[in-house]
Amino acid sequence: MESTFASTHPDRELALYRAFEALAGLASAPDAALDPLVVVAFEVLRAAGDKVESRDLARTLAKRHTSYGRQNPMRYRWGLSHNAEPGSSAYRRPPGPRVHWRPAEDEWLDRDRSGYGRRLMEPIVMAAQFGFWGRVAEDREHEPEVADLAGALLEEALPVAEHDIAFLHTALDPWRDTFALWVLTSEPQTAARLRDLLFTLAIRYGSIAARDGLVRGTRHPWFQRPLVSASAHLASSLWHWGAYPSVVPKLVSFVALTRNPDGSWADENQPPDILTTLAAADLLSRLDPGFDPEPTAAWLIGQQEESGWWRALDPEVPWLTATVARWLRQAELSFTHRFSWPTAPVWARDRMTGLTTFAAVEELAAVMGELPRLANERIDVAFLDLAGFRAFNSRHGSQDEGDRLLAVLGGALRDMPGVLPVRIGGDEMLILGKPGAVIGDTVAAWRTAWPARLRAAGFTDPVAPRILIGSAPTRDLNHLRRELGEGIFRMKQAFTDVPPEGVQATLD
């Protein structure tokens, strides 16, 4: 079974096994090809090592005709489910009371089932389809024909997806818009292919939250009421994109304070619901080292149906089931493993090296210092400069080769796992480890590989890294940077002859 669906916690093992079996059943259901979310089941099986026959589905989609119009469910070849109904009989709900995560919107659902369902499903299906076919398109080695079909599907769908996301910038429906932002940002393929529009959507709502403090509703029954759900969606997305970071602490604090005693969340005056709980738990598990995931995990397990599915309405069930299962598995990891650095926007990257600029990191440090429990987490930081860089420039008689060398250094630093490399200026760089991580061994392994990286780029000059590592609480990041800068000066005097793989020391 895929590691995502395995657990070391006995109370979760059965829930994850049932979820995996339910998704595997969807993949083989007679009507699976009609369900736009069958690719979620395919993704799970493929990750578990099972052979997934995607050629037939790709050919089936290629034969379908598309229609025009933003409200048309067939504007994509994979379509959308109708009337907020399940896309396959594999997860059709047995007779009983209706499941709806937001009872305050019952009248809206009854009045316009198709429109209401699309509000939920458009980003989910987009993320699922772009995610699956994007990975198929990249895997040309095994099935080049299917990779070509996948690429054609995505190329055709991309302008339609761009139009759909552009519509969200009107900000008429904060829950719908921020939910789409969160779902699409969380899927690497949509985040990469639709980066600019998702980033500007984050900016759109970041500016609104900067004025109002939180994300609030704009229509009945949520008019001017603070939305826990949308605030959690937005905070996760702003952090990912490195957009409006100053807004993140207040959103995180608001979400943390609205947690129910049983570990669940809900919007104001609503019963606990699975979508708000999942979004809030996803945010806090990534940014709050003091967050205890166990009550939330227990609550989520209690919401699972006997058949293995998790459900908020009906048509989203495969995506929701896979997403809850992944969160349950992620919640077992340490905070260091759950944490991820933001993606620096283009203007916050150094042109020469492609690294995050120091100004952007200063702002990031200020934000992390405002998140109380994150501010107290220790962080390893390495200061790097290049021994022999000035002599290298003198030998070559111009800065062109020096600029090229710095570009090679930037690319090598970006390949270092789990860290955030930053250019201070000249040949001086910072390497930030995740909160709680020890980066000494990672840096040492990188140094060992540096001479080969240099030779592969065509350089024969002895230009080697000097690296000094220090540690401090995250709130003292700027002070630590100054101490490392002073320490690297002393290190230059202590290490006049530097071997090709460089030298490394620890701040006293």
Protein backbone atom coordinates (compact mmCIF):
# COMPACT_ATOMS: atom_id res chain seq x y z
CA MET A 1 0.00 0.00 0.00
CA GLU A 2 1.22 3.53 -0.74
CA SER A 3 3.06 5.01 2.24
CA THR A 4 0.54 7.87 2.25
CA PHE A 5 -2.10 5.32 3.17
CA ALA A 6 -0.06 3.51 5.82
CA SER A 7 0.26 4.54 9.45
CA THR A 8 2.22 3.65 12.54
CA HIS A 9 -0.83 4.64 14.63
CA PRO A 10 -3.17 1.67 15.14
CA ASP A 11 -6.23 3.95 15.32
CA ARG A 12 -5.49 5.30 11.84
CA GLU A 13 -4.40 2.12 10.10
CA LEU A 14 -7.92 0.84 9.47
CA ALA A 15 -9.20 4.25 8.32
CA LEU A 16 -6.36 4.63 5.81
CA TYR A 17 -6.73 1.06 4.57
CA ARG A 18 -10.45 1.58 3.98
CA ALA A 19 -9.76 4.82 2.12
CA PHE A 20 -7.22 3.09 -0.14
CA GLU A 21 -9.59 0.22 -0.87
CA ALA A 22 -12.42 2.62 -1.70
CA LEU A 23 -10.25 4.53 -4.17
CA ALA A 24 -8.97 1.31 -5.71
CA GLY A 25 -12.60 0.25 -6.18
CA LEU A 26 -13.36 3.48 -8.01
CA ALA A 27 -10.50 2.85 -10.45
CA SER A 28 -12.12 -0.41 -11.56
CA ALA A 29 -15.78 0.72 -11.45
CA PRO A 30 -17.75 0.16 -14.69
CA ASP A 31 -18.58 3.86 -14.99
CA ALA A 32 -15.14 5.11 -13.89
CA ALA A 33 -14.33 6.73 -17.24
CA LEU A 34 -17.35 9.03 -16.82
CA ASP A 35 -16.04 10.39 -13.52
CA PRO A 36 -13.71 13.39 -13.78
CA LEU A 37 -12.17 12.36 -10.45
CA VAL A 38 -11.20 8.82 -11.43
CA VAL A 39 -7.70 10.20 -11.97
CA VAL A 40 -7.44 10.66 -8.20
CA ALA A 41 -7.82 6.89 -7.81
CA PHE A 42 -5.32 6.31 -10.63
CA GLU A 43 -2.82 8.58 -8.88
CA VAL A 44 -3.16 6.69 -5.62
CA LEU A 45 -2.72 3.29 -7.28
CA ARG A 46 0.28 4.44 -9.30
CA ALA A 47 1.95 5.87 -6.20
CA ALA A 48 1.40 2.51 -4.51
CA GLY A 49 3.32 0.77 -7.28
CA ASP A 50 0.32 -0.68 -9.12
CA LYS A 51 0.25 -0.54 -12.91
CA VAL A 52 -2.29 2.00 -14.08
CA GLU A 53 -3.53 1.84 -17.67
CA SER A 54 -3.95 5.49 -18.53
CA ARG A 55 -3.82 5.02 -22.32
CA ASP A 56 -7.48 4.04 -22.64
CA LEU A 57 -8.64 6.99 -20.56
CA ALA A 58 -6.45 9.41 -22.54
CA ARG A 59 -7.85 8.09 -25.81
CA THR A 60 -11.41 8.30 -24.49
CA LEU A 61 -10.91 11.93 -23.47
CA ALA A 62 -9.26 12.76 -26.80
CA LYS A 63 -12.38 11.59 -28.65
CA ARG A 64 -14.76 13.79 -26.67
CA HIS A 65 -15.92 17.14 -27.95
CA THR A 66 -15.64 20.31 -25.93
CA SER A 67 -18.22 23.07 -25.71
CA TYR A 68 -17.94 26.78 -25.02
CA GLY A 69 -19.12 28.97 -22.19
CA ARG A 70 -17.87 29.39 -18.65
CA GLN A 71 -20.91 27.63 -17.20
CA ASN A 72 -20.72 24.68 -19.59
CA PRO A 73 -19.54 21.51 -17.78
CA MET A 74 -18.04 20.22 -21.05
CA ARG A 75 -15.69 23.15 -21.63
CA TYR A 76 -13.05 20.62 -20.54
CA ARG A 77 -12.89 17.19 -22.15
CA TRP A 78 -13.16 15.52 -18.75
CA GLY A 79 -16.34 17.43 -17.90
CA LEU A 80 -17.87 18.06 -14.51
CA SER A 81 -20.45 16.08 -12.57
CA HIS A 82 -24.05 17.31 -12.82
CA ASN A 83 -26.45 18.53 -10.14
CA ALA A 84 -23.90 18.11 -7.34
CA GLU A 85 -24.17 14.34 -7.76
CA PRO A 86 -21.38 11.76 -7.46
CA GLY A 87 -19.51 11.14 -10.70
CA SER A 88 -19.57 7.36 -10.21
CA SER A 89 -21.78 4.79 -8.54
CA ALA A 90 -18.70 3.68 -6.60
CA TYR A 91 -19.24 6.42 -4.04
CA ARG A 92 -22.94 7.06 -4.31
CA ARG A 93 -24.34 7.68 -0.86
CA PRO A 94 -26.78 5.13 0.60
CA PRO A 95 -30.30 6.40 1.36
CA GLY A 96 -30.45 8.66 4.35
CA PRO A 97 -30.17 12.30 5.43
CA ARG A 98 -28.43 14.62 3.01
CA VAL A 99 -24.79 15.39 3.68
CA HIS A 100 -23.93 19.06 3.27
CA TRP A 101 -20.99 20.67 5.03
CA ARG A 102 -22.60 24.13 5.14
CA PRO A 103 -26.26 23.92 6.21
CA ALA A 104 -26.58 27.72 6.09
CA GLU A 105 -26.43 27.37 2.30
CA ASP A 106 -29.13 24.70 1.98
CA GLU A 107 -31.46 27.09 0.17
CA TRP A 108 -28.70 27.94 -2.31
CA LEU A 109 -28.02 24.25 -2.94
CA ASP A 110 -31.73 23.48 -3.46
CA ARG A 111 -32.21 26.43 -5.80
CA ASP A 112 -29.20 25.77 -8.05
CA ARG A 113 -27.72 22.32 -7.55
CA SER A 114 -25.61 22.39 -10.71
CA GLY A 115 -24.18 25.84 -10.06
CA TYR A 116 -23.56 25.08 -6.41
CA GLY A 117 -21.81 21.83 -7.24
CA ARG A 118 -19.59 23.49 -9.84
CA ARG A 119 -18.56 26.09 -7.26
CA LEU A 120 -16.99 23.28 -5.26
CA MET A 121 -15.87 21.04 -8.09
CA GLU A 122 -14.25 23.30 -10.67
CA PRO A 123 -10.94 23.73 -8.80
CA ILE A 124 -10.96 20.15 -7.50
CA VAL A 125 -11.33 18.64 -10.95
CA MET A 126 -8.85 21.08 -12.45
CA ALA A 127 -6.24 20.19 -9.84
CA ALA A 128 -6.88 16.44 -10.16
CA GLN A 129 -6.74 16.40 -13.96
CA PHE A 130 -3.80 18.77 -14.36
CA GLY A 131 -1.96 16.89 -11.63
CA PHE A 132 -2.44 13.44 -13.11
CA TRP A 133 -1.92 14.28 -16.79
CA GLY A 134 0.93 16.63 -15.96
CA ARG A 135 2.86 13.78 -14.37
CA VAL A 136 1.95 11.44 -17.23
CA ALA A 137 3.21 14.02 -19.74
CA GLU A 138 6.53 14.24 -17.89
CA ASP A 139 6.99 10.46 -17.89
CA ARG A 140 7.91 10.02 -21.55
CA GLU A 141 10.31 7.16 -20.87
CA HIS A 142 7.63 4.56 -20.13
CA GLU A 143 4.70 5.56 -22.36
CA PRO A 144 5.67 8.21 -24.94
CA GLU A 145 2.35 7.89 -26.80
CA VAL A 146 0.33 8.52 -23.65
CA ALA A 147 2.68 11.35 -22.69
CA ASP A 148 1.91 13.03 -26.01
CA LEU A 149 -1.83 12.60 -25.50
CA ALA A 150 -1.54 13.99 -21.98
CA GLY A 151 0.41 16.99 -23.22
CA ALA A 152 -2.22 17.72 -25.86
CA LEU A 153 -5.02 17.50 -23.28
CA LEU A 154 -3.25 19.97 -21.02
CA GLU A 155 -2.36 22.36 -23.82
CA GLU A 156 -6.00 22.51 -24.86
CA ALA A 157 -7.27 22.92 -21.30
CA LEU A 158 -4.81 25.57 -20.16
CA PRO A 159 -6.51 28.64 -21.74
CA VAL A 160 -9.87 27.51 -20.36
CA ALA A 161 -8.38 27.11 -16.89
CA GLU A 162 -6.76 30.53 -17.15
CA HIS A 163 -10.12 32.06 -18.03
CA ASP A 164 -11.79 30.32 -15.08
CA ILE A 165 -9.19 31.56 -12.61
CA ALA A 166 -9.22 35.08 -14.05
CA PHE A 167 -12.96 35.20 -13.29
CA LEU A 168 -12.22 34.63 -9.58
CA HIS A 169 -10.34 37.93 -9.41
CA THR A 170 -13.68 39.73 -9.27
CA ALA A 171 -13.74 38.61 -5.60
CA LEU A 172 -17.52 38.21 -5.55
CA ASP A 173 -17.47 34.94 -3.59
CA PRO A 174 -14.64 34.79 -1.02
CA TRP A 175 -15.22 31.16 -0.01
CA ARG A 176 -15.28 29.90 -3.62
CA ASP A 177 -12.31 32.03 -4.66
CA THR A 178 -10.03 31.21 -1.74
CA PHE A 179 -11.00 27.53 -1.81
CA ALA A 180 -9.95 27.41 -5.46
CA LEU A 181 -6.74 29.25 -4.61
CA TRP A 182 -5.90 26.75 -1.85
CA VAL A 183 -6.74 23.64 -3.87
CA LEU A 184 -4.88 24.76 -7.01
CA THR A 185 -1.87 26.06 -5.10
CA SER A 186 -1.58 22.73 -3.26
CA GLU A 187 -1.25 20.77 -6.54
CA PRO A 188 2.30 21.25 -7.95
CA GLN A 189 1.19 20.91 -11.57
CA THR A 190 -1.49 23.61 -11.38
CA ALA A 191 0.75 25.77 -9.21
CA ALA A 192 3.44 25.62 -11.91
CA ARG A 193 1.24 25.96 -15.00
CA LEU A 194 -1.08 28.61 -13.58
CA ARG A 195 1.47 30.37 -11.39
CA ASP A 196 0.90 33.96 -12.47
CA LEU A 197 -2.89 33.91 -12.14
CA LEU A 198 -2.78 32.08 -8.81
CA PHE A 199 -0.20 34.52 -7.49
CA THR A 200 -2.29 37.53 -8.51
CA LEU A 201 -5.39 35.92 -6.99
CA ALA A 202 -3.45 35.59 -3.73
CA ILE A 203 -2.46 39.25 -4.03
CA ARG A 204 -6.12 40.20 -4.68
CA TYR A 205 -7.33 38.58 -1.47
CA GLY A 206 -4.19 39.49 0.45
CA SER A 207 -4.96 43.17 -0.18
CA ILE A 208 -8.54 42.63 1.02
CA ALA A 209 -7.36 40.86 4.18
CA ALA A 210 -4.79 43.60 4.79
CA ARG A 211 -7.64 46.15 4.91
CA ASP A 212 -10.19 44.06 6.80
CA GLY A 213 -7.89 41.95 8.96
CA LEU A 214 -9.60 38.71 7.93
CA VAL A 215 -11.54 37.27 5.02
CA ARG A 216 -15.22 38.09 5.35
CA GLY A 217 -18.28 37.03 3.42
CA THR A 218 -19.88 39.25 0.81
CA ARG A 219 -23.38 37.76 0.49
CA HIS A 220 -26.14 36.17 2.54
CA PRO A 221 -25.78 34.31 4.87
CA TRP A 222 -22.13 35.34 5.34
CA PHE A 223 -22.28 39.08 4.65
CA GLN A 224 -19.47 40.80 6.59
CA ARG A 225 -19.02 37.75 8.82
CA PRO A 226 -15.46 36.47 9.33
CA LEU A 227 -14.83 33.18 7.53
CA VAL A 228 -12.52 30.72 9.25
CA SER A 229 -12.51 28.59 6.12
CA ALA A 230 -11.52 31.34 3.69
CA SER A 231 -8.98 32.76 6.14
CA ALA A 232 -7.28 29.36 6.36
CA HIS A 233 -7.33 28.94 2.58
CA LEU A 234 -5.80 32.37 2.10
CA ALA A 235 -3.12 32.09 4.80
CA SER A 236 -1.81 28.81 3.35
CA SER A 237 -1.74 30.28 -0.15
CA LEU A 238 -0.12 33.57 0.83
CA TRP A 239 2.63 31.68 2.62
CA HIS A 240 3.19 29.40 -0.36
CA TRP A 241 3.49 32.29 -2.81
CA GLY A 242 5.38 34.62 -0.51
CA ALA A 243 2.66 37.20 -1.12
CA TYR A 244 1.47 39.65 1.56
CA PRO A 245 3.43 37.78 4.26
CA SER A 246 2.57 40.50 6.78
CA VAL A 247 -1.08 39.35 6.64
CA VAL A 248 -0.30 35.73 7.52
CA PRO A 249 0.24 36.02 11.33
CA LYS A 250 -3.21 37.51 12.02
CA LEU A 251 -4.92 34.90 9.81
CA VAL A 252 -3.03 32.08 11.52
CA SER A 253 -3.89 33.41 14.98
CA PHE A 254 -7.58 33.75 14.06
CA VAL A 255 -7.74 30.19 12.74
CA ALA A 256 -5.91 28.79 15.77
CA LEU A 257 -8.27 30.55 18.21
CA THR A 258 -11.42 29.21 16.52
CA ARG A 259 -10.58 25.52 16.95
CA ASN A 260 -13.31 23.54 18.71
CA PRO A 261 -12.46 21.41 21.77
CA ASP A 262 -12.89 18.22 19.72
CA GLY A 263 -10.25 19.35 17.20
CA SER A 264 -12.69 20.45 14.48
CA TRP A 265 -13.41 23.84 12.89
CA ALA A 266 -16.46 25.56 11.41
CA ASP A 267 -17.53 28.90 10.09
CA GLU A 268 -19.55 31.10 12.42
CA ASN A 269 -22.77 29.54 13.78
CA GLN A 270 -22.29 26.37 11.72
CA PRO A 271 -21.71 22.81 12.90
CA PRO A 272 -18.17 21.46 12.57
CA ASP A 273 -17.43 20.62 8.95
CA ILE A 274 -14.82 18.57 7.18
CA LEU A 275 -13.65 21.11 4.58
CA THR A 276 -13.03 23.91 7.08
CA THR A 277 -11.35 21.48 9.46
CA LEU A 278 -9.10 20.14 6.73
CA ALA A 279 -8.05 23.62 5.55
CA ALA A 280 -7.40 24.88 9.09
CA ALA A 281 -5.47 21.76 10.10
CA ASP A 282 -3.41 21.91 6.93
CA LEU A 283 -2.43 25.52 7.71
CA LEU A 284 -1.54 25.03 11.37
CA SER A 285 0.29 21.75 10.88
CA ARG A 286 2.65 23.60 8.51
CA LEU A 287 3.17 26.88 10.39
CA ASP A 288 2.53 26.20 14.09
CA PRO A 289 5.09 23.93 15.81
CA GLY A 290 2.85 23.79 18.89
CA PHE A 291 -0.18 22.51 16.98
CA ASP A 292 -1.40 19.16 18.30
CA PRO A 293 -2.87 17.22 15.36
CA GLU A 294 -4.21 14.30 17.40
CA PRO A 295 -7.69 15.70 18.30
CA THR A 296 -8.23 16.74 14.69
CA ALA A 297 -7.05 13.36 13.40
CA ALA A 298 -9.49 11.62 15.74
CA TRP A 299 -12.34 13.89 14.63
CA LEU A 300 -11.60 13.27 10.94
CA ILE A 301 -11.47 9.51 11.45
CA GLY A 302 -14.85 9.76 13.14
CA GLN A 303 -16.30 11.35 9.98
CA GLN A 304 -15.29 8.48 7.70
CA GLU A 305 -18.10 6.43 6.20
CA GLU A 306 -18.17 2.66 6.60
CA SER A 307 -17.35 2.33 2.92
CA GLY A 308 -14.08 4.22 3.43
CA TRP A 309 -15.10 7.57 1.94
CA TRP A 310 -14.98 11.05 3.40
CA ARG A 311 -17.78 13.32 2.19
CA ALA A 312 -18.64 17.03 2.32
CA LEU A 313 -21.39 17.05 -0.33
CA ASP A 314 -21.16 14.24 -2.94
CA PRO A 315 -19.20 14.92 -6.14
CA GLU A 316 -15.88 15.74 -4.41
CA VAL A 317 -15.61 12.46 -2.50
CA PRO A 318 -12.52 10.85 -4.18
CA TRP A 319 -10.48 14.04 -3.90
CA LEU A 320 -11.56 14.63 -0.31
CA THR A 321 -10.82 11.04 0.68
CA ALA A 322 -7.32 11.15 -0.79
CA THR A 323 -6.65 14.59 0.71
CA VAL A 324 -7.79 13.64 4.22
CA ALA A 325 -5.74 10.45 4.05
CA ARG A 326 -2.63 12.37 3.05
CA TRP A 327 -3.15 14.89 5.84
CA LEU A 328 -3.52 12.09 8.40
CA ARG A 329 -0.23 10.63 7.25
CA GLN A 330 1.47 14.03 7.13
CA ALA A 331 0.30 14.78 10.67
CA GLU A 332 2.48 11.92 11.92
CA LEU A 333 5.63 13.69 10.69
CA SER A 334 7.62 16.16 12.76
CA PHE A 335 6.96 19.87 12.34
CA THR A 336 10.30 20.21 10.57
CA HIS A 337 9.13 17.81 7.88
CA ARG A 338 5.71 19.47 7.59
CA PHE A 339 7.14 22.97 7.24
CA SER A 340 8.00 24.34 3.79
CA TRP A 341 9.56 27.62 2.69
CA PRO A 342 7.55 30.04 0.53
CA THR A 343 8.03 30.27 -3.22
CA ALA A 344 9.71 33.61 -3.83
CA PRO A 345 7.94 35.78 -6.43
CA VAL A 346 9.98 36.80 -9.47
CA TRP A 347 10.77 40.29 -8.13
CA ALA A 348 12.05 38.78 -4.84
CA ARG A 349 14.67 36.68 -6.65
CA ASP A 350 18.19 37.74 -7.47
CA ARG A 351 18.54 38.06 -11.24
CA MET A 352 22.00 36.50 -11.45
CA THR A 353 21.63 33.47 -9.18
CA GLY A 354 17.87 32.92 -9.12
CA LEU A 355 18.02 32.87 -5.32
CA THR A 356 15.71 34.68 -2.91
CA THR A 357 16.92 38.20 -2.15
CA PHE A 358 18.02 39.23 1.30
CA ALA A 359 15.31 41.92 1.47
CA ALA A 360 12.64 39.25 0.99
CA VAL A 361 14.15 37.14 3.76
CA GLU A 362 14.22 40.10 6.15
CA GLU A 363 10.46 40.47 5.62
CA LEU A 364 10.00 36.71 6.05
CA ALA A 365 11.99 36.80 9.30
CA ALA A 366 9.74 39.57 10.62
CA VAL A 367 6.64 37.49 9.83
CA MET A 368 8.03 34.37 11.47
CA GLY A 369 8.84 36.45 14.54
CA GLU A 370 5.15 37.40 14.84
CA LEU A 371 4.02 33.77 14.96
CA PRO A 372 4.66 33.14 18.68
CA ARG A 373 5.42 29.43 18.68
CA LEU A 374 7.29 29.52 15.38
CA ALA A 375 9.36 32.45 16.68
CA ASN A 376 10.72 30.23 19.46
CA GLU A 377 11.82 27.40 17.16
CA ARG A 378 15.56 27.15 16.60
CA ILE A 379 16.84 27.57 13.08
CA ASP A 380 20.22 26.66 11.56
CA VAL A 381 21.69 29.25 9.21
CA ALA A 382 24.86 28.91 7.16
CA PHE A 383 26.85 31.88 5.83
CA LEU A 384 28.75 31.09 2.62
CA ASP A 385 31.33 32.96 0.63
CA LEU A 386 33.75 31.82 -2.08
CA ALA A 387 37.44 31.61 -1.32
CA GLY A 388 39.42 32.74 -4.37
CA PHE A 389 36.54 34.58 -6.03
CA ARG A 390 38.32 37.94 -6.20
CA ALA A 391 41.43 36.30 -7.71
CA PHE A 392 39.15 34.45 -10.14
CA ASN A 393 37.71 37.74 -11.42
CA SER A 394 41.18 39.26 -11.70
CA ARG A 395 42.48 36.32 -13.75
CA HIS A 396 39.58 36.55 -16.20
CA GLY A 397 39.81 40.30 -16.52
CA SER A 398 36.05 40.91 -16.53
CA GLN A 399 32.96 40.16 -14.49
CA ASP A 400 31.31 38.00 -17.13
CA GLU A 401 32.91 34.75 -15.98
CA GLY A 402 32.37 35.74 -12.37
CA ASP A 403 28.68 36.26 -13.07
CA ARG A 404 28.53 32.86 -14.75
CA LEU A 405 30.21 31.26 -11.75
CA LEU A 406 27.69 32.85 -9.40
CA ALA A 407 24.87 31.52 -11.58
CA VAL A 408 26.36 28.01 -11.25
CA LEU A 409 26.62 28.49 -7.48
CA GLY A 410 22.98 29.62 -7.32
CA GLY A 411 21.81 26.55 -9.25
CA ALA A 412 23.83 24.26 -6.99
CA LEU A 413 22.40 25.85 -3.85
CA ARG A 414 18.86 25.53 -5.17
CA ASP A 415 19.45 21.79 -5.49
CA MET A 416 20.31 21.46 -1.79
CA PRO A 417 17.31 19.69 -0.20
CA GLY A 418 15.15 21.23 2.52
CA VAL A 419 16.83 24.65 2.73
CA LEU A 420 16.18 28.20 1.57
CA PRO A 421 19.28 29.68 -0.12
CA VAL A 422 19.54 33.48 -0.18
CA ARG A 423 21.91 35.89 -1.90
CA ILE A 424 23.14 38.71 0.33
CA GLY A 425 25.36 40.33 -2.28
CA GLY A 426 28.56 39.65 -4.21
CA ASP A 427 29.65 36.07 -3.49
CA GLU A 428 27.99 35.99 -0.05
CA MET A 429 25.01 33.69 0.49
CA LEU A 430 22.84 32.49 3.36
CA ILE A 431 21.46 28.97 3.66
CA LEU A 432 18.43 28.73 5.97
CA GLY A 433 17.42 25.36 7.34
CA LYS A 434 13.85 24.53 8.25
CA PRO A 435 12.91 25.33 11.86
CA GLY A 436 14.18 22.52 14.05
CA ALA A 437 16.40 20.98 11.36
CA VAL A 438 20.15 20.41 11.71
CA ILE A 439 21.82 21.26 8.41
CA GLY A 440 25.49 20.49 9.04
CA ASP A 441 25.49 17.11 7.30
CA THR A 442 23.43 18.44 4.37
CA VAL A 443 25.88 21.29 3.86
CA ALA A 444 28.86 18.93 4.14
CA ALA A 445 27.41 16.62 1.47
CA TRP A 446 26.81 19.61 -0.77
CA ARG A 447 30.40 20.78 -0.34
CA THR A 448 31.70 17.34 -1.32
CA ALA A 449 29.76 17.54 -4.61
CA TRP A 450 30.77 21.14 -5.36
CA PRO A 451 34.09 20.50 -7.21
CA ALA A 452 32.37 18.14 -9.68
CA ARG A 453 29.60 20.70 -10.22
CA LEU A 454 32.23 23.34 -10.93
CA ARG A 455 34.10 21.14 -13.43
CA ALA A 456 30.85 20.17 -15.18
CA ALA A 457 30.22 23.88 -15.81
CA GLY A 458 33.66 24.20 -17.46
CA PHE A 459 35.55 25.88 -14.61
CA THR A 460 39.05 24.74 -13.62
CA ASP A 461 39.86 27.54 -11.19
CA PRO A 462 40.12 26.74 -7.45
CA VAL A 463 37.05 28.59 -6.16
CA ALA A 464 35.80 26.90 -3.00
CA PRO A 465 33.10 27.66 -0.43
CA ARG A 466 33.82 28.83 3.10
CA ILE A 467 30.79 28.06 5.26
CA LEU A 468 30.02 29.05 8.85
CA ILE A 469 26.91 27.61 10.55
CA GLY A 470 25.08 29.07 13.52
CA SER A 471 21.79 28.48 15.31
CA ALA A 472 19.28 30.72 17.10
CA PRO A 473 15.53 31.09 17.70
CA THR A 474 13.74 32.14 14.54
CA ARG A 475 12.87 35.52 16.09
CA ASP A 476 16.64 36.28 16.25
CA LEU A 477 17.31 35.45 12.59
CA ASN A 478 18.60 38.91 11.69
CA HIS A 479 20.88 39.06 14.72
CA LEU A 480 22.26 35.60 13.85
CA ARG A 481 22.96 36.76 10.30
CA ARG A 482 25.09 39.63 11.61
CA GLU A 483 27.01 37.32 13.94
CA LEU A 484 27.72 34.94 11.06
CA GLY A 485 28.92 37.82 8.88
CA GLU A 486 31.43 38.81 11.56
CA GLY A 487 32.42 35.19 12.06
CA ILE A 488 33.06 34.58 8.36
CA PHE A 489 35.55 37.47 8.42
CA ARG A 490 37.51 35.73 11.18
CA MET A 491 37.20 32.45 9.27
CA LYS A 492 38.86 34.01 6.22
CA GLN A 493 41.87 34.80 8.38
CA ALA A 494 41.95 31.31 9.89
CA PHE A 495 41.62 29.40 6.59
CA THR A 496 43.97 30.97 4.07
CA ASP A 497 44.40 27.73 2.09
CA VAL A 498 41.01 26.27 1.24
CA PRO A 499 40.72 22.80 -0.43
CA PRO A 500 38.51 22.38 -3.54
CA GLU A 501 35.55 21.11 -1.49
CA GLY A 502 35.80 24.13 0.79
CA VAL A 503 35.78 24.34 4.58
CA GLN A 504 33.01 24.36 7.14
CA ALA A 505 32.87 25.51 10.76
CA THR A 506 30.35 26.18 13.51
CA LEU A 507 29.84 29.55 15.16
CA ASP A 508 31.10 29.56 18.75
